[in-house]
């Protein structure tokens, strides 16, 4: 370590300095992963050009350019917050999914809820009735619940089937599931803006993808046109699931993942 410091001609580098560098490197790496493939990449390149212009204007004494960039800087920050509010939400949600925070997650008894959802999805699929069910995991969905019609009812398959019937006033929108209850129905979810999605995906599928891009919820979608059952998690969609496969996937995503996280935490405590 001292030899490296001597070569660099700087003050000695301690372990705290190394930890500091590692933390900053991880943060930069995670930020790059979050913006990869999004419009934020072009904005980041534009910001890099402005930073380069600022230092170039100082080095070459370009007073007008330097003054313009300095005065625009505060407005640019506000504009970035407005333009990238969804990306910022997704980044903060991603931080909240870190293994450390799983220790604070509430215990779940979701086996019966998964059975009810799978039965309802199977019945709706057979009737060619469209449905969208969002299952809350660690990140709360309160802001979407408050925008829907409150129910606070026990989760049952017959209630789900009744809600999504075309004659029902609640069929438009999503049902949100919290453990073994339905707090609200007719909830409107954010649509994804991903241009790479297939054009045959309707508004239900796009809403499910948009929701799961922003938080760790799991969405179950039944297509009104084809009756196909899909599951969406982390912005990725699996289509054409049968009821038994749906149950297996939900168990893995809602129950087994939590159990695995708790076992890991116990080993390290």
C-alpha atoms as a PDB file:
ATOM      1  CA  UNK A   1       0.000   0.000   0.000  1.00  0.00           C
ATOM      2  CA  UNK A   2       2.809   2.414   0.923  1.00  0.00           C
ATOM      3  CA  UNK A   3       4.669   1.503  -2.269  1.00  0.00           C
ATOM      4  CA  UNK A   4       1.554   2.330  -4.322  1.00  0.00           C
ATOM      5  CA  UNK A   5       1.272   5.654  -2.498  1.00  0.00           C
ATOM      6  CA  UNK A   6       4.930   6.414  -3.232  1.00  0.00           C
ATOM      7  CA  UNK A   7       4.474   5.631  -6.935  1.00  0.00           C
ATOM      8  CA  UNK A   8       1.438   7.865  -7.138  1.00  0.00           C
ATOM      9  CA  UNK A   9       3.253  10.595  -5.229  1.00  0.00           C
ATOM     10  CA  UNK A  10       0.289  11.227  -2.937  1.00  0.00           C
ATOM     11  CA  UNK A  11      -0.493  10.866   0.755  1.00  0.00           C
ATOM     12  CA  UNK A  12      -0.770   7.261   2.043  1.00  0.00           C
ATOM     13  CA  UNK A  13      -3.970   5.466   1.091  1.00  0.00           C
ATOM     14  CA  UNK A  14      -5.704   3.779   4.026  1.00  0.00           C
ATOM     15  CA  UNK A  15      -8.347   1.073   4.227  1.00  0.00           C
ATOM     16  CA  UNK A  16     -11.078   3.649   4.680  1.00  0.00           C
ATOM     17  CA  UNK A  17     -10.021   5.287   1.418  1.00  0.00           C
ATOM     18  CA  UNK A  18     -10.271   1.947  -0.353  1.00  0.00           C
ATOM     19  CA  UNK A  19     -13.738   1.349   1.092  1.00  0.00           C
ATOM     20  CA  UNK A  20     -14.728   4.827  -0.039  1.00  0.00           C
ATOM     21  CA  UNK A  21     -13.534   4.095  -3.595  1.00  0.00           C
ATOM     22  CA  UNK A  22     -15.307   0.726  -3.682  1.00  0.00           C
ATOM     23  CA  UNK A  23     -18.619   2.212  -2.493  1.00  0.00           C
ATOM     24  CA  UNK A  24     -18.476   4.979  -5.107  1.00  0.00           C
ATOM     25  CA  UNK A  25     -17.569   2.433  -7.818  1.00  0.00           C
ATOM     26  CA  UNK A  26     -20.532   0.217  -6.897  1.00  0.00           C
ATOM     27  CA  UNK A  27     -22.901   3.209  -6.951  1.00  0.00           C
ATOM     28  CA  UNK A  28     -21.647   4.287 -10.398  1.00  0.00           C
ATOM     29  CA  UNK A  29     -21.915   0.706 -11.681  1.00  0.00           C
ATOM     30  CA  UNK A  30     -25.502   0.345 -10.430  1.00  0.00           C
ATOM     31  CA  UNK A  31     -26.450   3.703 -11.947  1.00  0.00           C
ATOM     32  CA  UNK A  32     -25.011   2.642 -15.305  1.00  0.00           C
ATOM     33  CA  UNK A  33     -26.985  -0.614 -15.123  1.00  0.00           C
ATOM     34  CA  UNK A  34     -30.195   1.286 -14.394  1.00  0.00           C
ATOM     35  CA  UNK A  35     -29.865   3.698 -17.317  1.00  0.00           C
ATOM     36  CA  UNK A  36     -28.611   1.095 -19.817  1.00  0.00           C
ATOM     37  CA  UNK A  37     -31.006   0.863 -22.750  1.00  0.00           C
ATOM     38  CA  UNK A  38     -33.059   3.897 -21.691  1.00  0.00           C
ATOM     39  CA  UNK A  39     -33.268   7.488 -22.887  1.00  0.00           C
ATOM     40  CA  UNK A  40     -31.179   8.478 -19.870  1.00  0.00           C
ATOM     41  CA  UNK A  41     -28.072   7.283 -21.766  1.00  0.00           C
ATOM     42  CA  UNK A  42     -28.384  10.091 -24.312  1.00  0.00           C
ATOM     43  CA  UNK A  43     -29.041  12.600 -21.537  1.00  0.00           C
ATOM     44  CA  UNK A  44     -25.969  11.381 -19.644  1.00  0.00           C
ATOM     45  CA  UNK A  45     -23.882  11.861 -22.794  1.00  0.00           C
ATOM     46  CA  UNK A  46     -25.302  15.364 -23.172  1.00  0.00           C
ATOM     47  CA  UNK A  47     -24.459  16.146 -19.536  1.00  0.00           C
ATOM     48  CA  UNK A  48     -20.924  14.873 -20.160  1.00  0.00           C
ATOM     49  CA  UNK A  49     -20.588  17.240 -23.112  1.00  0.00           C
ATOM     50  CA  UNK A  50     -21.706  20.175 -20.939  1.00  0.00           C
ATOM     51  CA  UNK A  51     -19.196  19.263 -18.214  1.00  0.00           C
ATOM     52  CA  UNK A  52     -16.426  19.035 -20.825  1.00  0.00           C
ATOM     53  CA  UNK A  53     -17.453  22.427 -22.234  1.00  0.00           C
ATOM     54  CA  UNK A  54     -17.383  23.949 -18.762  1.00  0.00           C
ATOM     55  CA  UNK A  55     -13.804  22.852 -18.084  1.00  0.00           C
ATOM     56  CA  UNK A  56     -12.767  23.746 -21.612  1.00  0.00           C
ATOM     57  CA  UNK A  57     -14.222  27.244 -21.164  1.00  0.00           C
ATOM     58  CA  UNK A  58     -12.215  27.676 -17.960  1.00  0.00           C
ATOM     59  CA  UNK A  59      -9.037  26.358 -19.544  1.00  0.00           C
ATOM     60  CA  UNK A  60      -9.321  28.518 -22.681  1.00  0.00           C
ATOM     61  CA  UNK A  61     -10.866  31.527 -20.869  1.00  0.00           C
ATOM     62  CA  UNK A  62     -14.166  31.430 -22.786  1.00  0.00           C
ATOM     63  CA  UNK A  63     -16.021  33.748 -20.418  1.00  0.00           C
ATOM     64  CA  UNK A  64     -19.394  33.766 -22.201  1.00  0.00           C
ATOM     65  CA  UNK A  65     -19.615  29.978 -22.487  1.00  0.00           C
ATOM     66  CA  UNK A  66     -18.547  29.593 -18.850  1.00  0.00           C
ATOM     67  CA  UNK A  67     -21.163  32.103 -17.671  1.00  0.00           C
ATOM     68  CA  UNK A  68     -23.926  30.422 -19.705  1.00  0.00           C
ATOM     69  CA  UNK A  69     -23.198  26.926 -18.380  1.00  0.00           C
ATOM     70  CA  UNK A  70     -22.930  28.129 -14.763  1.00  0.00           C
ATOM     71  CA  UNK A  71     -26.293  29.907 -14.963  1.00  0.00           C
ATOM     72  CA  UNK A  72     -28.027  27.011 -16.684  1.00  0.00           C
ATOM     73  CA  UNK A  73     -26.765  24.394 -14.206  1.00  0.00           C
ATOM     74  CA  UNK A  74     -29.489  24.928 -11.571  1.00  0.00           C
ATOM     75  CA  UNK A  75     -32.277  24.797 -14.175  1.00  0.00           C
ATOM     76  CA  UNK A  76     -30.822  21.652 -15.738  1.00  0.00           C
ATOM     77  CA  UNK A  77     -31.032  19.830 -12.391  1.00  0.00           C
ATOM     78  CA  UNK A  78     -34.747  20.692 -12.057  1.00  0.00           C
ATOM     79  CA  UNK A  79     -35.400  19.664 -15.677  1.00  0.00           C
ATOM     80  CA  UNK A  80     -33.670  16.299 -15.114  1.00  0.00           C
ATOM     81  CA  UNK A  81     -35.814  15.592 -12.043  1.00  0.00           C
ATOM     82  CA  UNK A  82     -39.007  16.330 -14.012  1.00  0.00           C
ATOM     83  CA  UNK A  83     -37.970  14.375 -17.105  1.00  0.00           C
ATOM     84  CA  UNK A  84     -36.648  11.335 -15.247  1.00  0.00           C
ATOM     85  CA  UNK A  85     -39.036  11.057 -12.333  1.00  0.00           C
ATOM     86  CA  UNK A  86     -40.019   7.492 -13.329  1.00  0.00           C
ATOM     87  CA  UNK A  87     -36.358   6.465 -13.660  1.00  0.00           C
ATOM     88  CA  UNK A  88     -35.581   8.010 -10.260  1.00  0.00           C
ATOM     89  CA  UNK A  89     -38.507   6.108  -8.699  1.00  0.00           C
ATOM     90  CA  UNK A  90     -37.241   2.884 -10.249  1.00  0.00           C
ATOM     91  CA  UNK A  91     -33.720   3.525  -8.961  1.00  0.00           C
ATOM     92  CA  UNK A  92     -34.925   4.150  -5.401  1.00  0.00           C
ATOM     93  CA  UNK A  93     -37.147   1.068  -5.575  1.00  0.00           C
ATOM     94  CA  UNK A  94     -34.168  -0.957  -6.776  1.00  0.00           C
ATOM     95  CA  UNK A  95     -32.213   0.250  -3.749  1.00  0.00           C
ATOM     96  CA  UNK A  96     -35.072  -0.802  -1.478  1.00  0.00           C
ATOM     97  CA  UNK A  97     -34.885  -4.359  -2.842  1.00  0.00           C
ATOM     98  CA  UNK A  98     -31.379  -4.886  -1.474  1.00  0.00           C
ATOM     99  CA  UNK A  99     -30.986  -8.042   0.677  1.00  0.00           C
ATOM    100  CA  UNK A 100     -30.409  -5.937   3.805  1.00  0.00           C
ATOM    101  CA  UNK A 101     -33.965  -4.585   3.676  1.00  0.00           C
ATOM    102  CA  UNK A 102     -35.538  -8.028   3.331  1.00  0.00           C
ATOM    103  CA  UNK A 103     -34.917  -8.504   7.037  1.00  0.00           C
ATOM    104  CA  UNK A 104     -37.685  -5.985   7.701  1.00  0.00           C
ATOM    105  CA  UNK A 105     -40.226  -7.646   5.376  1.00  0.00           C
ATOM    106  CA  UNK A 106     -43.458  -8.856   6.945  1.00  0.00           C
ATOM    107  CA  UNK A 107     -43.967 -12.634   7.128  1.00  0.00           C
ATOM    108  CA  UNK A 108     -46.350 -13.931   4.492  1.00  0.00           C
ATOM    109  CA  UNK A 109     -48.815 -16.787   4.369  1.00  0.00           C
ATOM    110  CA  UNK A 110     -49.476 -16.671   0.643  1.00  0.00           C
ATOM    111  CA  UNK A 111     -50.146 -20.298  -0.295  1.00  0.00           C
ATOM    112  CA  UNK A 112     -53.945 -19.965  -0.135  1.00  0.00           C
ATOM    113  CA  UNK A 113     -53.830 -16.619  -1.945  1.00  0.00           C
ATOM    114  CA  UNK A 114     -51.822 -18.163  -4.782  1.00  0.00           C
ATOM    115  CA  UNK A 115     -54.355 -20.980  -5.083  1.00  0.00           C
ATOM    116  CA  UNK A 116     -57.242 -18.493  -5.274  1.00  0.00           C
ATOM    117  CA  UNK A 117     -55.468 -16.384  -7.901  1.00  0.00           C
ATOM    118  CA  UNK A 118     -54.614 -19.427 -10.038  1.00  0.00           C
ATOM    119  CA  UNK A 119     -58.213 -20.728  -9.930  1.00  0.00           C
ATOM    120  CA  UNK A 120     -59.591 -17.289 -10.816  1.00  0.00           C
ATOM    121  CA  UNK A 121     -57.104 -16.879 -13.681  1.00  0.00           C
ATOM    122  CA  UNK A 122     -58.075 -20.314 -15.035  1.00  0.00           C
ATOM    123  CA  UNK A 123     -61.803 -19.506 -14.932  1.00  0.00           C
ATOM    124  CA  UNK A 124     -61.336 -16.075 -16.519  1.00  0.00           C
ATOM    125  CA  UNK A 125     -59.107 -17.589 -19.199  1.00  0.00           C
ATOM    126  CA  UNK A 126     -61.796 -20.128 -20.074  1.00  0.00           C
ATOM    127  CA  UNK A 127     -64.405 -17.343 -20.359  1.00  0.00           C
ATOM    128  CA  UNK A 128     -62.059 -15.091 -22.387  1.00  0.00           C
ATOM    129  CA  UNK A 129     -62.476 -12.328 -19.783  1.00  0.00           C
ATOM    130  CA  UNK A 130     -59.558  -9.913 -19.404  1.00  0.00           C
ATOM    131  CA  UNK A 131     -58.000  -9.430 -15.973  1.00  0.00           C
ATOM    132  CA  UNK A 132     -55.040  -7.743 -14.294  1.00  0.00           C
ATOM    133  CA  UNK A 133     -53.988  -8.742 -10.768  1.00  0.00           C
ATOM    134  CA  UNK A 134     -51.041  -7.021  -9.058  1.00  0.00           C
ATOM    135  CA  UNK A 135     -49.520  -8.844  -6.075  1.00  0.00           C
ATOM    136  CA  UNK A 136     -47.674  -6.679  -3.577  1.00  0.00           C
ATOM    137  CA  UNK A 137     -44.356  -7.971  -2.256  1.00  0.00           C
ATOM    138  CA  UNK A 138     -41.819  -5.882  -0.324  1.00  0.00           C
ATOM    139  CA  UNK A 139     -42.467  -2.484  -1.920  1.00  0.00           C
ATOM    140  CA  UNK A 140     -45.894  -1.091  -1.065  1.00  0.00           C
ATOM    141  CA  UNK A 141     -48.515  -0.209  -3.679  1.00  0.00           C
ATOM    142  CA  UNK A 142     -50.381   2.298  -1.537  1.00  0.00           C
ATOM    143  CA  UNK A 143     -50.278   5.112  -4.107  1.00  0.00           C
ATOM    144  CA  UNK A 144     -52.074   2.871  -6.641  1.00  0.00           C
ATOM    145  CA  UNK A 145     -54.513   1.559  -4.016  1.00  0.00           C
ATOM    146  CA  UNK A 146     -55.567   5.085  -3.104  1.00  0.00           C
ATOM    147  CA  UNK A 147     -56.379   5.793  -6.757  1.00  0.00           C
ATOM    148  CA  UNK A 148     -58.741   2.803  -7.009  1.00  0.00           C
ATOM    149  CA  UNK A 149     -62.051   1.842  -5.418  1.00  0.00           C
ATOM    150  CA  UNK A 150     -61.526   0.574  -1.843  1.00  0.00           C
ATOM    151  CA  UNK A 151     -62.778  -2.931  -1.020  1.00  0.00           C
ATOM    152  CA  UNK A 152     -60.708  -4.328   1.880  1.00  0.00           C
ATOM    153  CA  UNK A 153     -62.145  -7.787   1.201  1.00  0.00           C
ATOM    154  CA  UNK A 154     -60.818 -11.294   1.742  1.00  0.00           C
ATOM    155  CA  UNK A 155     -59.185 -12.685  -1.389  1.00  0.00           C
ATOM    156  CA  UNK A 156     -61.298 -15.425  -3.009  1.00  0.00           C
ATOM    157  CA  UNK A 157     -61.441 -16.706  -6.559  1.00  0.00           C
ATOM    158  CA  UNK A 158     -65.184 -16.009  -6.910  1.00  0.00           C
ATOM    159  CA  UNK A 159     -64.652 -12.371  -5.866  1.00  0.00           C
ATOM    160  CA  UNK A 160     -61.901 -11.970  -8.483  1.00  0.00           C
ATOM    161  CA  UNK A 161     -64.073 -13.544 -11.176  1.00  0.00           C
ATOM    162  CA  UNK A 162     -66.978 -11.255 -10.231  1.00  0.00           C
ATOM    163  CA  UNK A 163     -64.817  -8.122 -10.305  1.00  0.00           C
ATOM    164  CA  UNK A 164     -63.545  -8.729 -13.840  1.00  0.00           C
ATOM    165  CA  UNK A 165     -66.893  -9.565 -15.444  1.00  0.00           C
ATOM    166  CA  UNK A 166     -67.574  -7.006 -18.233  1.00  0.00           C
ATOM    167  CA  UNK A 167     -70.860  -6.003 -16.560  1.00  0.00           C
ATOM    168  CA  UNK A 168     -69.070  -5.164 -13.303  1.00  0.00           C
ATOM    169  CA  UNK A 169     -68.287  -1.473 -12.671  1.00  0.00           C
ATOM    170  CA  UNK A 170     -64.924  -2.578 -11.225  1.00  0.00           C
ATOM    171  CA  UNK A 171     -63.673  -4.596 -14.211  1.00  0.00           C
ATOM    172  CA  UNK A 172     -61.718  -1.704 -15.731  1.00  0.00           C
ATOM    173  CA  UNK A 173     -58.296  -1.449 -14.118  1.00  0.00           C
ATOM    174  CA  UNK A 174     -56.293  -3.715 -11.828  1.00  0.00           C
ATOM    175  CA  UNK A 175     -57.002  -5.580  -8.616  1.00  0.00           C
ATOM    176  CA  UNK A 176     -54.251  -5.237  -6.012  1.00  0.00           C
ATOM    177  CA  UNK A 177     -53.551  -8.101  -3.613  1.00  0.00           C
ATOM    178  CA  UNK A 178     -51.901  -7.624  -0.211  1.00  0.00           C
ATOM    179  CA  UNK A 179     -51.198 -11.010   1.397  1.00  0.00           C
ATOM    180  CA  UNK A 180     -54.706 -12.556   1.686  1.00  0.00           C
ATOM    181  CA  UNK A 181     -56.787  -9.416   1.077  1.00  0.00           C
ATOM    182  CA  UNK A 182     -57.930  -7.186  -1.771  1.00  0.00           C
ATOM    183  CA  UNK A 183     -57.585  -3.588  -0.571  1.00  0.00           C
ATOM    184  CA  UNK A 184     -58.822  -2.027  -3.815  1.00  0.00           C
ATOM    185  CA  UNK A 185     -60.013  -2.698  -7.356  1.00  0.00           C
ATOM    186  CA  UNK A 186     -60.251  -0.608 -10.533  1.00  0.00           C
ATOM    187  CA  UNK A 187     -56.732   0.677  -9.860  1.00  0.00           C
ATOM    188  CA  UNK A 188     -54.943   2.338 -12.758  1.00  0.00           C
ATOM    189  CA  UNK A 189     -51.291   1.452 -13.227  1.00  0.00           C
ATOM    190  CA  UNK A 190     -48.556   3.263 -15.202  1.00  0.00           C
ATOM    191  CA  UNK A 191     -48.117   2.092 -18.786  1.00  0.00           C
ATOM    192  CA  UNK A 192     -44.646   1.101 -19.901  1.00  0.00           C
ATOM    193  CA  UNK A 193     -42.892   3.259 -22.488  1.00  0.00           C
ATOM    194  CA  UNK A 194     -40.594   0.469 -23.670  1.00  0.00           C
ATOM    195  CA  UNK A 195     -40.562   0.718 -27.503  1.00  0.00           C
ATOM    196  CA  UNK A 196     -39.248  -2.846 -27.929  1.00  0.00           C
ATOM    197  CA  UNK A 197     -42.448  -4.556 -26.773  1.00  0.00           C
ATOM    198  CA  UNK A 198     -44.562  -6.563 -29.171  1.00  0.00           C
ATOM    199  CA  UNK A 199     -47.389  -4.611 -30.772  1.00  0.00           C
ATOM    200  CA  UNK A 200     -49.926  -7.310 -29.931  1.00  0.00           C
ATOM    201  CA  UNK A 201     -49.620  -6.524 -26.206  1.00  0.00           C
ATOM    202  CA  UNK A 202     -52.683  -4.617 -25.019  1.00  0.00           C
ATOM    203  CA  UNK A 203     -53.100  -1.996 -22.318  1.00  0.00           C
ATOM    204  CA  UNK A 204     -53.387  -4.612 -19.526  1.00  0.00           C
ATOM    205  CA  UNK A 205     -50.057  -6.173 -20.425  1.00  0.00           C
ATOM    206  CA  UNK A 206     -48.398  -2.757 -20.791  1.00  0.00           C
ATOM    207  CA  UNK A 207     -49.761  -1.639 -17.434  1.00  0.00           C
ATOM    208  CA  UNK A 208     -48.442  -4.823 -15.796  1.00  0.00           C
ATOM    209  CA  UNK A 209     -45.000  -4.259 -17.322  1.00  0.00           C
ATOM    210  CA  UNK A 210     -45.046  -0.570 -16.371  1.00  0.00           C
ATOM    211  CA  UNK A 211     -45.865  -1.392 -12.742  1.00  0.00           C
ATOM    212  CA  UNK A 212     -43.187  -4.067 -12.371  1.00  0.00           C
ATOM    213  CA  UNK A 213     -40.561  -1.834 -13.972  1.00  0.00           C
ATOM    214  CA  UNK A 214     -40.984   0.562 -11.039  1.00  0.00           C
ATOM    215  CA  UNK A 215     -41.227  -1.874  -8.097  1.00  0.00           C
ATOM    216  CA  UNK A 216     -41.000  -5.549  -7.138  1.00  0.00           C
ATOM    217  CA  UNK A 217     -44.698  -6.405  -7.540  1.00  0.00           C
ATOM    218  CA  UNK A 218     -45.788  -9.497  -9.496  1.00  0.00           C
ATOM    219  CA  UNK A 219     -48.610  -9.075 -12.023  1.00  0.00           C
ATOM    220  CA  UNK A 220     -50.896 -11.748 -13.451  1.00  0.00           C
ATOM    221  CA  UNK A 221     -52.637 -10.890 -16.734  1.00  0.00           C
ATOM    222  CA  UNK A 222     -55.415 -12.714 -18.572  1.00  0.00           C
ATOM    223  CA  UNK A 223     -55.808 -11.691 -22.198  1.00  0.00           C
ATOM    224  CA  UNK A 224     -59.323 -10.782 -23.294  1.00  0.00           C
ATOM    225  CA  UNK A 225     -58.585 -11.638 -26.942  1.00  0.00           C
ATOM    226  CA  UNK A 226     -56.822 -14.995 -26.558  1.00  0.00           C
ATOM    227  CA  UNK A 227     -57.511 -16.073 -22.970  1.00  0.00           C
ATOM    228  CA  UNK A 228     -53.775 -16.642 -22.436  1.00  0.00           C
ATOM    229  CA  UNK A 229     -52.427 -16.260 -18.907  1.00  0.00           C
ATOM    230  CA  UNK A 230     -49.229 -14.249 -18.432  1.00  0.00           C
ATOM    231  CA  UNK A 231     -47.061 -13.369 -15.461  1.00  0.00           C
ATOM    232  CA  UNK A 232     -44.935 -10.224 -15.297  1.00  0.00           C
ATOM    233  CA  UNK A 233     -42.030  -9.505 -12.941  1.00  0.00           C
ATOM    234  CA  UNK A 234     -39.213  -6.919 -13.175  1.00  0.00           C
ATOM    235  CA  UNK A 235     -40.627  -5.691 -16.481  1.00  0.00           C
ATOM    236  CA  UNK A 236     -40.298  -9.152 -18.095  1.00  0.00           C
ATOM    237  CA  UNK A 237     -43.362 -11.055 -19.301  1.00  0.00           C
ATOM    238  CA  UNK A 238     -43.959 -14.822 -19.532  1.00  0.00           C
ATOM    239  CA  UNK A 239     -46.923 -15.729 -21.719  1.00  0.00           C
ATOM    240  CA  UNK A 240     -49.046 -18.799 -22.270  1.00  0.00           C
ATOM    241  CA  UNK A 241     -48.931 -20.253 -18.740  1.00  0.00           C
ATOM    242  CA  UNK A 242     -51.314 -22.990 -17.597  1.00  0.00           C
ATOM    243  CA  UNK A 243     -52.798 -22.762 -14.066  1.00  0.00           C
ATOM    244  CA  UNK A 244     -50.341 -25.250 -12.559  1.00  0.00           C
ATOM    245  CA  UNK A 245     -47.309 -23.457 -14.007  1.00  0.00           C
ATOM    246  CA  UNK A 246     -48.760 -20.170 -12.791  1.00  0.00           C
ATOM    247  CA  UNK A 247     -48.985 -21.545  -9.242  1.00  0.00           C
ATOM    248  CA  UNK A 248     -45.391 -22.784  -9.384  1.00  0.00           C
ATOM    249  CA  UNK A 249     -44.088 -19.448 -10.638  1.00  0.00           C
ATOM    250  CA  UNK A 250     -46.041 -17.517  -7.996  1.00  0.00           C
ATOM    251  CA  UNK A 251     -44.744 -19.794  -5.239  1.00  0.00           C
ATOM    252  CA  UNK A 252     -41.182 -19.209  -6.411  1.00  0.00           C
ATOM    253  CA  UNK A 253     -41.661 -15.442  -6.651  1.00  0.00           C
ATOM    254  CA  UNK A 254     -43.789 -14.773  -3.578  1.00  0.00           C
ATOM    255  CA  UNK A 255     -43.042 -17.538  -1.047  1.00  0.00           C
ATOM    256  CA  UNK A 256     -39.760 -19.346  -1.753  1.00  0.00           C
ATOM    257  CA  UNK A 257     -37.840 -16.146  -2.459  1.00  0.00           C
ATOM    258  CA  UNK A 258     -38.723 -14.797   0.988  1.00  0.00           C
ATOM    259  CA  UNK A 259     -37.885 -18.071   2.705  1.00  0.00           C
ATOM    260  CA  UNK A 260     -34.513 -18.174   0.957  1.00  0.00           C
ATOM    261  CA  UNK A 261     -33.806 -14.584   2.001  1.00  0.00           C
ATOM    262  CA  UNK A 262     -34.627 -15.376   5.644  1.00  0.00           C
ATOM    263  CA  UNK A 263     -32.413 -18.487   5.640  1.00  0.00           C
ATOM    264  CA  UNK A 264     -29.505 -16.430   4.287  1.00  0.00           C
ATOM    265  CA  UNK A 265     -30.054 -13.784   6.951  1.00  0.00           C
ATOM    266  CA  UNK A 266     -30.124 -16.410   9.720  1.00  0.00           C
ATOM    267  CA  UNK A 267     -26.797 -17.869   8.524  1.00  0.00           C
ATOM    268  CA  UNK A 268     -25.096 -14.480   8.722  1.00  0.00           C
ATOM    269  CA  UNK A 269     -26.513 -13.458  12.100  1.00  0.00           C
END
